[in-house]
PDB file of all heavy atoms in Angstrom:
ATOM      1  N   THR A   1     115.831 121.290 128.593  1.00  0.00           N
ATOM      2  CA  THR A   1     115.227 120.579 129.716  1.00  0.00           C
ATOM      3  C   THR A   1     116.148 120.636 130.919  1.00  0.00           C
ATOM      4  O   THR A   1     117.366 120.544 130.784  1.00  0.00           O
ATOM      5  CB  THR A   1     114.998 119.098 129.334  1.00  0.00           C
ATOM      6  OG1 THR A   1     114.146 119.059 128.197  1.00  0.00           O
ATOM      7  CG2 THR A   1     114.379 118.307 130.463  1.00  0.00           C
ATOM      8  N   ILE A   2     115.551 120.768 132.098  1.00  0.00           N
ATOM      9  CA  ILE A   2     116.303 120.646 133.356  1.00  0.00           C
ATOM     10  C   ILE A   2     116.055 119.251 133.906  1.00  0.00           C
ATOM     11  O   ILE A   2     114.920 118.794 133.993  1.00  0.00           O
ATOM     12  CB  ILE A   2     115.827 121.672 134.405  1.00  0.00           C
ATOM     13  CG1 ILE A   2     116.061 123.097 133.929  1.00  0.00           C
ATOM     14  CG2 ILE A   2     116.504 121.422 135.752  1.00  0.00           C
ATOM     15  CD1 ILE A   2     117.493 123.542 133.953  1.00  0.00           C
ATOM     16  N   ARG A   3     117.131 118.567 134.257  1.00  0.00           N
ATOM     17  CA  ARG A   3     117.031 117.264 134.935  1.00  0.00           C
ATOM     18  C   ARG A   3     117.643 117.438 136.312  1.00  0.00           C
ATOM     19  O   ARG A   3     118.618 118.155 136.472  1.00  0.00           O
ATOM     20  CB  ARG A   3     117.764 116.200 134.127  1.00  0.00           C
ATOM     21  CG  ARG A   3     117.098 116.029 132.740  1.00  0.00           C
ATOM     22  CD  ARG A   3     117.702 114.931 131.973  1.00  0.00           C
ATOM     23  NE  ARG A   3     117.616 113.711 132.762  1.00  0.00           N
ATOM     24  CZ  ARG A   3     117.506 112.508 132.258  1.00  0.00           C
ATOM     25  NH1 ARG A   3     117.464 112.336 130.974  1.00  0.00           N
ATOM     26  NH2 ARG A   3     117.458 111.448 133.025  1.00  0.00           N
ATOM     27  N   PHE A   4     117.060 116.773 137.304  1.00  0.00           N
ATOM     28  CA  PHE A   4     117.534 116.923 138.678  1.00  0.00           C
ATOM     29  C   PHE A   4     118.169 115.652 139.194  1.00  0.00           C
ATOM     30  O   PHE A   4     117.593 114.570 139.083  1.00  0.00           O
ATOM     31  CB  PHE A   4     116.374 117.307 139.605  1.00  0.00           C
ATOM     32  CG  PHE A   4     115.984 118.745 139.489  1.00  0.00           C
ATOM     33  CD1 PHE A   4     114.956 119.133 138.651  1.00  0.00           C
ATOM     34  CD2 PHE A   4     116.672 119.712 140.203  1.00  0.00           C
ATOM     35  CE1 PHE A   4     114.595 120.463 138.538  1.00  0.00           C
ATOM     36  CE2 PHE A   4     116.329 121.047 140.092  1.00  0.00           C
ATOM     37  CZ  PHE A   4     115.279 121.422 139.250  1.00  0.00           C
ATOM     38  N   ALA A   5     119.359 115.805 139.772  1.00  0.00           N
ATOM     39  CA  ALA A   5     119.997 114.728 140.528  1.00  0.00           C
ATOM     40  C   ALA A   5     119.445 114.812 141.947  1.00  0.00           C
ATOM     41  O   ALA A   5     119.426 115.878 142.558  1.00  0.00           O
ATOM     42  CB  ALA A   5     121.511 114.911 140.532  1.00  0.00           C
ATOM     43  N   GLU A   6     118.983 113.685 142.444  1.00  0.00           N
ATOM     44  CA  GLU A   6     118.329 113.644 143.752  1.00  0.00           C
ATOM     45  C   GLU A   6     119.295 113.153 144.832  1.00  0.00           C
ATOM     46  O   GLU A   6     119.995 112.165 144.632  1.00  0.00           O
ATOM     47  CB  GLU A   6     117.123 112.697 143.705  1.00  0.00           C
ATOM     48  CG  GLU A   6     116.081 113.069 142.671  1.00  0.00           C
ATOM     49  CD  GLU A   6     115.280 114.308 143.028  1.00  0.00           C
ATOM     50  OE1 GLU A   6     115.334 114.753 144.204  1.00  0.00           O
ATOM     51  OE2 GLU A   6     114.595 114.835 142.132  1.00  0.00           O
ATOM     52  N   PRO A   7     119.318 113.824 145.980  1.00  0.00           N
ATOM     53  CA  PRO A   7     120.143 113.340 147.080  1.00  0.00           C
ATOM     54  C   PRO A   7     119.519 112.091 147.706  1.00  0.00           C
ATOM     55  O   PRO A   7     118.331 111.822 147.524  1.00  0.00           O
ATOM     56  CB  PRO A   7     120.121 114.506 148.073  1.00  0.00           C
ATOM     57  CG  PRO A   7     118.854 115.227 147.779  1.00  0.00           C
ATOM     58  CD  PRO A   7     118.598 115.049 146.306  1.00  0.00           C
ATOM     59  N   ASP A   8     120.324 111.370 148.430  1.00  0.00           N
ATOM     60  CA  ASP A   8     119.831 110.219 149.186  1.00  0.00           C
ATOM     61  C   ASP A   8     118.838 110.746 150.223  1.00  0.00           C
ATOM     62  O   ASP A   8     119.184 111.609 151.038  1.00  0.00           O
ATOM     63  CB  ASP A   8     121.013 109.529 149.875  1.00  0.00           C
ATOM     64  CG  ASP A   8     120.596 108.327 150.690  1.00  0.00           C
ATOM     65  OD1 ASP A   8     119.813 108.507 151.649  1.00  0.00           O
ATOM     66  OD2 ASP A   8     121.066 107.225 150.386  1.00  0.00           O
ATOM     67  N   PRO A   9     117.604 110.261 150.239  1.00  0.00           N
ATOM     68  CA  PRO A   9     116.597 110.814 151.157  1.00  0.00           C
ATOM     69  C   PRO A   9     116.899 110.569 152.637  1.00  0.00           C
ATOM     70  O   PRO A   9     116.428 111.305 153.494  1.00  0.00           O
ATOM     71  CB  PRO A   9     115.302 110.116 150.738  1.00  0.00           C
ATOM     72  CG  PRO A   9     115.708 108.927 149.955  1.00  0.00           C
ATOM     73  CD  PRO A   9     117.060 109.213 149.386  1.00  0.00           C
ATOM     74  N   GLU A  10     117.697 109.550 152.935  1.00  0.00           N
ATOM     75  CA  GLU A  10     118.026 109.246 154.336  1.00  0.00           C
ATOM     76  C   GLU A  10     119.150 110.141 154.865  1.00  0.00           C
ATOM     77  O   GLU A  10     119.090 110.631 155.988  1.00  0.00           O
ATOM     78  CB  GLU A  10     118.465 107.780 154.457  1.00  0.00           C
ATOM     79  CG  GLU A  10     117.423 106.781 154.019  1.00  0.00           C
ATOM     80  CD  GLU A  10     116.446 106.477 155.128  1.00  0.00           C
ATOM     81  OE1 GLU A  10     116.857 106.455 156.298  1.00  0.00           O
ATOM     82  OE2 GLU A  10     115.257 106.284 154.800  1.00  0.00           O
ATOM     83  N   THR A  11     120.183 110.345 154.038  1.00  0.00           N
ATOM     84  CA  THR A  11     121.376 111.052 154.503  1.00  0.00           C
ATOM     85  C   THR A  11     121.515 112.456 153.932  1.00  0.00           C
ATOM     86  O   THR A  11     122.302 113.245 154.438  1.00  0.00           O
ATOM     87  CB  THR A  11     122.644 110.270 154.118  1.00  0.00           C
ATOM     88  OG1 THR A  11     122.746 110.256 152.682  1.00  0.00           O
ATOM     89  CG2 THR A  11     122.610 108.859 154.674  1.00  0.00           C
ATOM     90  N   LEU A  12     120.789 112.727 152.869  1.00  0.00           N
ATOM     91  CA  LEU A  12     120.893 113.968 152.098  1.00  0.00           C
ATOM     92  C   LEU A  12     122.256 114.137 151.444  1.00  0.00           C
ATOM     93  O   LEU A  12     122.603 115.225 150.983  1.00  0.00           O
ATOM     94  CB  LEU A  12     120.523 115.191 152.944  1.00  0.00           C
ATOM     95  CG  LEU A  12     119.085 115.190 153.452  1.00  0.00           C
ATOM     96  CD1 LEU A  12     118.823 116.410 154.313  1.00  0.00           C
ATOM     97  CD2 LEU A  12     118.091 115.115 152.301  1.00  0.00           C
ATOM     98  N   ASP A  13     123.031 113.065 151.373  1.00  0.00           N
ATOM     99  CA  ASP A  13     124.272 113.077 150.607  1.00  0.00           C
ATOM    100  C   ASP A  13     123.926 113.012 149.127  1.00  0.00           C
ATOM    101  O   ASP A  13     122.871 112.494 148.731  1.00  0.00           O
ATOM    102  CB  ASP A  13     125.151 111.874 150.952  1.00  0.00           C
ATOM    103  CG  ASP A  13     125.771 111.999 152.334  1.00  0.00           C
ATOM    104  OD1 ASP A  13     125.953 113.144 152.800  1.00  0.00           O
ATOM    105  OD2 ASP A  13     126.067 110.958 152.937  1.00  0.00           O
ATOM    106  N   LEU A  14     124.821 113.531 148.297  1.00  0.00           N
ATOM    107  CA  LEU A  14     124.636 113.455 146.853  1.00  0.00           C
ATOM    108  C   LEU A  14     125.832 112.708 146.270  1.00  0.00           C
ATOM    109  O   LEU A  14     126.860 113.305 145.964  1.00  0.00           O
ATOM    110  CB  LEU A  14     124.523 114.842 146.234  1.00  0.00           C
ATOM    111  CG  LEU A  14     124.238 114.857 144.743  1.00  0.00           C
ATOM    112  CD1 LEU A  14     122.796 114.429 144.468  1.00  0.00           C
ATOM    113  CD2 LEU A  14     124.494 116.231 144.157  1.00  0.00           C
ATOM    114  N   PRO A  15     125.713 111.389 146.128  1.00  0.00           N
ATOM    115  CA  PRO A  15     126.826 110.638 145.555  1.00  0.00           C
ATOM    116  C   PRO A  15     126.967 110.966 144.068  1.00  0.00           C
ATOM    117  O   PRO A  15     126.002 111.357 143.408  1.00  0.00           O
ATOM    118  CB  PRO A  15     126.415 109.179 145.760  1.00  0.00           C
ATOM    119  CG  PRO A  15     124.940 109.203 145.943  1.00  0.00           C
ATOM    120  CD  PRO A  15     124.583 110.547 146.497  1.00  0.00           C
ATOM    121  N   ALA A  16     128.179 110.801 143.556  1.00  0.00           N
ATOM    122  CA  ALA A  16     128.430 111.072 142.140  1.00  0.00           C
ATOM    123  C   ALA A  16     127.481 110.276 141.260  1.00  0.00           C
ATOM    124  O   ALA A  16     127.041 110.752 140.217  1.00  0.00           O
ATOM    125  CB  ALA A  16     129.885 110.755 141.799  1.00  0.00           C
ATOM    126  N   GLY A  17     127.119 109.079 141.692  1.00  0.00           N
ATOM    127  CA  GLY A  17     126.212 108.240 140.920  1.00  0.00           C
ATOM    128  C   GLY A  17     124.839 108.867 140.703  1.00  0.00           C
ATOM    129  O   GLY A  17     124.176 108.598 139.707  1.00  0.00           O
ATOM    130  N   ALA A  18     124.409 109.722 141.627  1.00  0.00           N
ATOM    131  CA  ALA A  18     123.117 110.389 141.467  1.00  0.00           C
ATOM    132  C   ALA A  18     123.154 111.375 140.302  1.00  0.00           C
ATOM    133  O   ALA A  18     122.177 111.523 139.572  1.00  0.00           O
ATOM    134  CB  ALA A  18     122.730 111.112 142.756  1.00  0.00           C
ATOM    135  N   VAL A  19     124.288 112.015 140.126  1.00  0.00           N
ATOM    136  CA  VAL A  19     124.456 112.928 138.988  1.00  0.00           C
ATOM    137  C   VAL A  19     124.624 112.111 137.711  1.00  0.00           C
ATOM    138  O   VAL A  19     123.983 112.385 136.692  1.00  0.00           O
ATOM    139  CB  VAL A  19     125.638 113.886 139.203  1.00  0.00           C
ATOM    140  CG1 VAL A  19     125.882 114.750 137.974  1.00  0.00           C
ATOM    141  CG2 VAL A  19     125.402 114.757 140.437  1.00  0.00           C
ATOM    142  N   GLU A  20     125.465 111.094 137.770  1.00  0.00           N
ATOM    143  CA  GLU A  20     125.691 110.249 136.591  1.00  0.00           C
ATOM    144  C   GLU A  20     124.389 109.638 136.081  1.00  0.00           C
ATOM    145  O   GLU A  20     124.203 109.479 134.875  1.00  0.00           O
ATOM    146  CB  GLU A  20     126.708 109.161 136.917  1.00  0.00           C
ATOM    147  CG  GLU A  20     128.105 109.699 137.147  1.00  0.00           C
ATOM    148  CD  GLU A  20     129.036 108.680 137.773  1.00  0.00           C
ATOM    149  OE1 GLU A  20     128.602 107.553 138.109  1.00  0.00           O
ATOM    150  OE2 GLU A  20     130.229 109.024 137.947  1.00  0.00           O
ATOM    151  N   ALA A  21     123.469 109.334 136.988  1.00  0.00           N
ATOM    152  CA  ALA A  21     122.214 108.680 136.614  1.00  0.00           C
ATOM    153  C   ALA A  21     121.332 109.556 135.727  1.00  0.00           C
ATOM    154  O   ALA A  21     120.496 109.036 134.997  1.00  0.00           O
ATOM    155  CB  ALA A  21     121.440 108.264 137.869  1.00  0.00           C
ATOM    156  N   VAL A  22     121.493 110.877 135.791  1.00  0.00           N
ATOM    157  CA  VAL A  22     120.643 111.756 134.978  1.00  0.00           C
ATOM    158  C   VAL A  22     121.380 112.374 133.789  1.00  0.00           C
ATOM    159  O   VAL A  22     120.810 113.164 133.043  1.00  0.00           O
ATOM    160  CB  VAL A  22     119.977 112.868 135.836  1.00  0.00           C
ATOM    161  CG1 VAL A  22     118.996 112.258 136.825  1.00  0.00           C
ATOM    162  CG2 VAL A  22     121.007 113.717 136.541  1.00  0.00           C
ATOM    163  N   LEU A  23     122.628 111.985 133.596  1.00  0.00           N
ATOM    164  CA  LEU A  23     123.368 112.462 132.422  1.00  0.00           C
ATOM    165  C   LEU A  23     122.895 111.723 131.176  1.00  0.00           C
ATOM    166  O   LEU A  23     122.529 110.554 131.245  1.00  0.00           O
ATOM    167  CB  LEU A  23     124.866 112.242 132.603  1.00  0.00           C
ATOM    168  CG  LEU A  23     125.546 112.980 133.744  1.00  0.00           C
ATOM    169  CD1 LEU A  23     127.024 112.580 133.812  1.00  0.00           C
ATOM    170  CD2 LEU A  23     125.400 114.477 133.614  1.00  0.00           C
ATOM    171  N   SER A  24     122.926 112.416 130.066  1.00  0.00           N
ATOM    172  CA  SER A  24     122.578 111.782 128.792  1.00  0.00           C
ATOM    173  C   SER A  24     123.431 112.395 127.692  1.00  0.00           C
ATOM    174  O   SER A  24     124.218 113.313 127.941  1.00  0.00           O
ATOM    175  CB  SER A  24     121.088 111.985 128.471  1.00  0.00           C
ATOM    176  OG  SER A  24     120.862 113.288 127.964  1.00  0.00           O
ATOM    177  N   ASP A  25     123.248 111.917 126.492  1.00  0.00           N
ATOM    178  CA  ASP A  25     123.999 112.487 125.378  1.00  0.00           C
ATOM    179  C   ASP A  25     123.529 113.905 125.047  1.00  0.00           C
ATOM    180  O   ASP A  25     124.159 114.612 124.275  1.00  0.00           O
ATOM    181  CB  ASP A  25     123.931 111.587 124.141  1.00  0.00           C
ATOM    182  CG  ASP A  25     122.522 111.401 123.617  1.00  0.00           C
ATOM    183  OD1 ASP A  25     121.545 111.663 124.348  1.00  0.00           O
ATOM    184  OD2 ASP A  25     122.393 110.993 122.446  1.00  0.00           O
ATOM    185  N   ARG A  26     122.426 114.348 125.654  1.00  0.00           N
ATOM    186  CA  ARG A  26     121.916 115.711 125.446  1.00  0.00           C
ATOM    187  C   ARG A  26     122.347 116.664 126.568  1.00  0.00           C
ATOM    188  O   ARG A  26     122.055 117.855 126.513  1.00  0.00           O
ATOM    189  CB  ARG A  26     120.390 115.706 125.359  1.00  0.00           C
ATOM    190  CG  ARG A  26     119.813 114.908 124.212  1.00  0.00           C
ATOM    191  CD  ARG A  26     120.180 115.449 122.858  1.00  0.00           C
ATOM    192  NE  ARG A  26     119.804 116.863 122.769  1.00  0.00           N
ATOM    193  CZ  ARG A  26     119.953 117.602 121.693  1.00  0.00           C
ATOM    194  NH1 ARG A  26     120.449 117.085 120.600  1.00  0.00           N
ATOM    195  NH2 ARG A  26     119.606 118.860 121.693  1.00  0.00           N
ATOM    196  N   THR A  27     123.038 116.154 127.603  1.00  0.00           N
ATOM    197  CA  THR A  27     123.494 117.002 128.714  1.00  0.00           C
ATOM    198  C   THR A  27     124.557 117.959 128.207  1.00  0.00           C
ATOM    199  O   THR A  27     125.555 117.537 127.624  1.00  0.00           O
ATOM    200  CB  THR A  27     124.062 116.158 129.867  1.00  0.00           C
ATOM    201  OG1 THR A  27     123.064 115.233 130.309  1.00  0.00           O
ATOM    202  CG2 THR A  27     124.499 117.046 131.027  1.00  0.00           C
ATOM    203  N   ARG A  28     124.341 119.241 128.437  1.00  0.00           N
ATOM    204  CA  ARG A  28     125.303 120.265 128.024  1.00  0.00           C
ATOM    205  C   ARG A  28     125.985 120.937 129.202  1.00  0.00           C
ATOM    206  O   ARG A  28     127.113 121.376 129.099  1.00  0.00           O
ATOM    207  CB  ARG A  28     124.618 121.326 127.156  1.00  0.00           C
ATOM    208  CG  ARG A  28     124.024 120.788 125.872  1.00  0.00           C
ATOM    209  CD  ARG A  28     125.119 120.233 124.949  1.00  0.00           C
ATOM    210  NE  ARG A  28     124.551 119.623 123.771  1.00  0.00           N
ATOM    211  CZ  ARG A  28     124.403 118.307 123.595  1.00  0.00           C
ATOM    212  NH1 ARG A  28     124.797 117.453 124.523  1.00  0.00           N
ATOM    213  NH2 ARG A  28     123.879 117.836 122.487  1.00  0.00           N
ATOM    214  N   TRP A  29     125.280 121.026 130.345  1.00  0.00           N
ATOM    215  CA  TRP A  29     125.838 121.675 131.534  1.00  0.00           C
ATOM    216  C   TRP A  29     125.369 120.942 132.769  1.00  0.00           C
ATOM    217  O   TRP A  29     124.244 120.443 132.807  1.00  0.00           O
ATOM    218  CB  TRP A  29     125.393 123.146 131.624  1.00  0.00           C
ATOM    219  CG  TRP A  29     126.075 123.973 130.594  1.00  0.00           C
ATOM    220  CD1 TRP A  29     125.612 124.247 129.333  1.00  0.00           C
ATOM    221  CD2 TRP A  29     127.363 124.567 130.690  1.00  0.00           C
ATOM    222  NE1 TRP A  29     126.542 124.988 128.656  1.00  0.00           N
ATOM    223  CE2 TRP A  29     127.624 125.202 129.455  1.00  0.00           C
ATOM    224  CE3 TRP A  29     128.318 124.625 131.698  1.00  0.00           C
ATOM    225  CZ2 TRP A  29     128.799 125.896 129.215  1.00  0.00           C
ATOM    226  CZ3 TRP A  29     129.493 125.317 131.452  1.00  0.00           C
ATOM    227  CH2 TRP A  29     129.720 125.935 130.222  1.00  0.00           C
ATOM    228  N   VAL A  30     126.250 120.900 133.772  1.00  0.00           N
ATOM    229  CA  VAL A  30     125.907 120.337 135.073  1.00  0.00           C
ATOM    230  C   VAL A  30     126.194 121.415 136.113  1.00  0.00           C
ATOM    231  O   VAL A  30     127.320 121.902 136.215  1.00  0.00           O
ATOM    232  CB  VAL A  30     126.721 119.059 135.380  1.00  0.00           C
ATOM    233  CG1 VAL A  30     126.392 118.530 136.764  1.00  0.00           C
ATOM    234  CG2 VAL A  30     126.471 117.991 134.317  1.00  0.00           C
ATOM    235  N   ALA A  31     125.162 121.801 136.851  1.00  0.00           N
ATOM    236  CA  ALA A  31     125.290 122.825 137.888  1.00  0.00           C
ATOM    237  C   ALA A  31     125.111 122.139 139.236  1.00  0.00           C
ATOM    238  O   ALA A  31     124.000 121.823 139.646  1.00  0.00           O
ATOM    239  CB  ALA A  31     124.230 123.901 137.691  1.00  0.00           C
ATOM    240  N   VAL A  32     126.224 121.869 139.910  1.00  0.00           N
ATOM    241  CA  VAL A  32     126.199 121.127 141.169  1.00  0.00           C
ATOM    242  C   VAL A  32     126.879 121.957 142.254  1.00  0.00           C
ATOM    243  O   VAL A  32     127.961 122.486 142.050  1.00  0.00           O
ATOM    244  CB  VAL A  32     126.932 119.772 141.022  1.00  0.00           C
ATOM    245  CG1 VAL A  32     126.975 119.036 142.342  1.00  0.00           C
ATOM    246  CG2 VAL A  32     126.274 118.923 139.961  1.00  0.00           C
ATOM    247  N   THR A  33     126.230 122.026 143.396  1.00  0.00           N
ATOM    248  CA  THR A  33     126.810 122.747 144.522  1.00  0.00           C
ATOM    249  C   THR A  33     128.038 122.011 145.064  1.00  0.00           C
ATOM    250  O   THR A  33     128.111 120.787 144.982  1.00  0.00           O
ATOM    251  CB  THR A  33     125.757 122.912 145.638  1.00  0.00           C
ATOM    252  OG1 THR A  33     126.291 123.755 146.643  1.00  0.00           O
ATOM    253  CG2 THR A  33     125.370 121.586 146.254  1.00  0.00           C
ATOM    254  N   ALA A  34     128.965 122.767 145.619  1.00  0.00           N
ATOM    255  CA  ALA A  34     130.103 122.153 146.306  1.00  0.00           C
ATOM    256  C   ALA A  34     129.780 121.933 147.778  1.00  0.00           C
ATOM    257  O   ALA A  34     130.444 121.154 148.447  1.00  0.00           O
ATOM    258  CB  ALA A  34     131.343 123.027 146.168  1.00  0.00           C
ATOM    259  N   ALA A  35     128.753 122.621 148.267  1.00  0.00           N
ATOM    260  CA  ALA A  35     128.290 122.443 149.646  1.00  0.00           C
ATOM    261  C   ALA A  35     126.889 123.031 149.740  1.00  0.00           C
ATOM    262  O   ALA A  35     126.682 124.185 149.395  1.00  0.00           O
ATOM    263  CB  ALA A  35     129.219 123.139 150.634  1.00  0.00           C
ATOM    264  N   SER A  36     125.956 122.247 150.213  1.00  0.00           N
ATOM    265  CA  SER A  36     124.568 122.698 150.312  1.00  0.00           C
ATOM    266  C   SER A  36     124.406 123.671 151.465  1.00  0.00           C
ATOM    267  O   SER A  36     124.713 123.345 152.611  1.00  0.00           O
ATOM    268  CB  SER A  36     123.638 121.506 150.526  1.00  0.00           C
ATOM    269  OG  SER A  36     122.332 121.951 150.827  1.00  0.00           O
ATOM    270  N   ASN A  37     123.883 124.860 151.174  1.00  0.00           N
ATOM    271  CA  ASN A  37     123.630 125.810 152.254  1.00  0.00           C
ATOM    272  C   ASN A  37     122.373 125.443 153.032  1.00  0.00           C
ATOM    273  O   ASN A  37     122.136 125.959 154.111  1.00  0.00           O
ATOM    274  CB  ASN A  37     123.538 127.237 151.721  1.00  0.00           C
ATOM    275  CG  ASN A  37     122.263 127.491 150.933  1.00  0.00           C
ATOM    276  OD1 ASN A  37     121.759 126.608 150.240  1.00  0.00           O
ATOM    277  ND2 ASN A  37     121.744 128.697 151.028  1.00  0.00           N
ATOM    278  N   ALA A  38     121.575 124.532 152.492  1.00  0.00           N
ATOM    279  CA  ALA A  38     120.332 124.142 153.167  1.00  0.00           C
ATOM    280  C   ALA A  38     120.564 123.065 154.225  1.00  0.00           C
ATOM    281  O   ALA A  38     120.032 123.147 155.322  1.00  0.00           O
ATOM    282  CB  ALA A  38     119.312 123.645 152.144  1.00  0.00           C
ATOM    283  N   VAL A  39     121.373 122.050 153.896  1.00  0.00           N
ATOM    284  CA  VAL A  39     121.532 120.924 154.824  1.00  0.00           C
ATOM    285  C   VAL A  39     122.988 120.634 155.176  1.00  0.00           C
ATOM    286  O   VAL A  39     123.265 119.743 155.964  1.00  0.00           O
ATOM    287  CB  VAL A  39     120.867 119.639 154.265  1.00  0.00           C
ATOM    288  CG1 VAL A  39     119.377 119.844 154.099  1.00  0.00           C
ATOM    289  CG2 VAL A  39     121.507 119.203 152.961  1.00  0.00           C
ATOM    290  N   GLY A  40     123.915 121.374 154.589  1.00  0.00           N
ATOM    291  CA  GLY A  40     125.326 121.193 154.914  1.00  0.00           C
ATOM    292  C   GLY A  40     126.009 120.029 154.222  1.00  0.00           C
ATOM    293  O   GLY A  40     127.184 119.762 154.472  1.00  0.00           O
ATOM    294  N   ALA A  41     125.305 119.339 153.316  1.00  0.00           N
ATOM    295  CA  ALA A  41     125.906 118.203 152.609  1.00  0.00           C
ATOM    296  C   ALA A  41     127.007 118.699 151.670  1.00  0.00           C
ATOM    297  O   ALA A  41     126.907 119.782 151.088  1.00  0.00           O
ATOM    298  CB  ALA A  41     124.842 117.453 151.811  1.00  0.00           C
ATOM    299  N   VAL A  42     128.056 117.904 151.553  1.00  0.00           N
ATOM    300  CA  VAL A  42     129.156 118.202 150.636  1.00  0.00           C
ATOM    301  C   VAL A  42     129.168 117.086 149.600  1.00  0.00           C
ATOM    302  O   VAL A  42     129.626 115.966 149.891  1.00  0.00           O
ATOM    303  CB  VAL A  42     130.510 118.279 151.392  1.00  0.00           C
ATOM    304  CG1 VAL A  42     131.644 118.515 150.423  1.00  0.00           C
ATOM    305  CG2 VAL A  42     130.448 119.373 152.456  1.00  0.00           C
ATOM    306  N   PRO A  43     128.648 117.344 148.402  1.00  0.00           N
ATOM    307  CA  PRO A  43     128.548 116.306 147.387  1.00  0.00           C
ATOM    308  C   PRO A  43     129.911 115.732 146.997  1.00  0.00           C
ATOM    309  O   PRO A  43     130.937 116.408 147.068  1.00  0.00           O
ATOM    310  CB  PRO A  43     127.913 117.018 146.193  1.00  0.00           C
ATOM    311  CG  PRO A  43     127.166 118.146 146.800  1.00  0.00           C
ATOM    312  CD  PRO A  43     127.996 118.585 147.980  1.00  0.00           C
TER     313      PRO A  43
END
């Protein structure tokens, strides 16, 4: 299954808590950008 961490809709920032919120005991990999090429956010 793919689970998505959602950015803040107002700022498009991706706080660590957004990723933590979708982690589970079944999470095997986390693929997170270091800088969004779409909006310039740096998680």
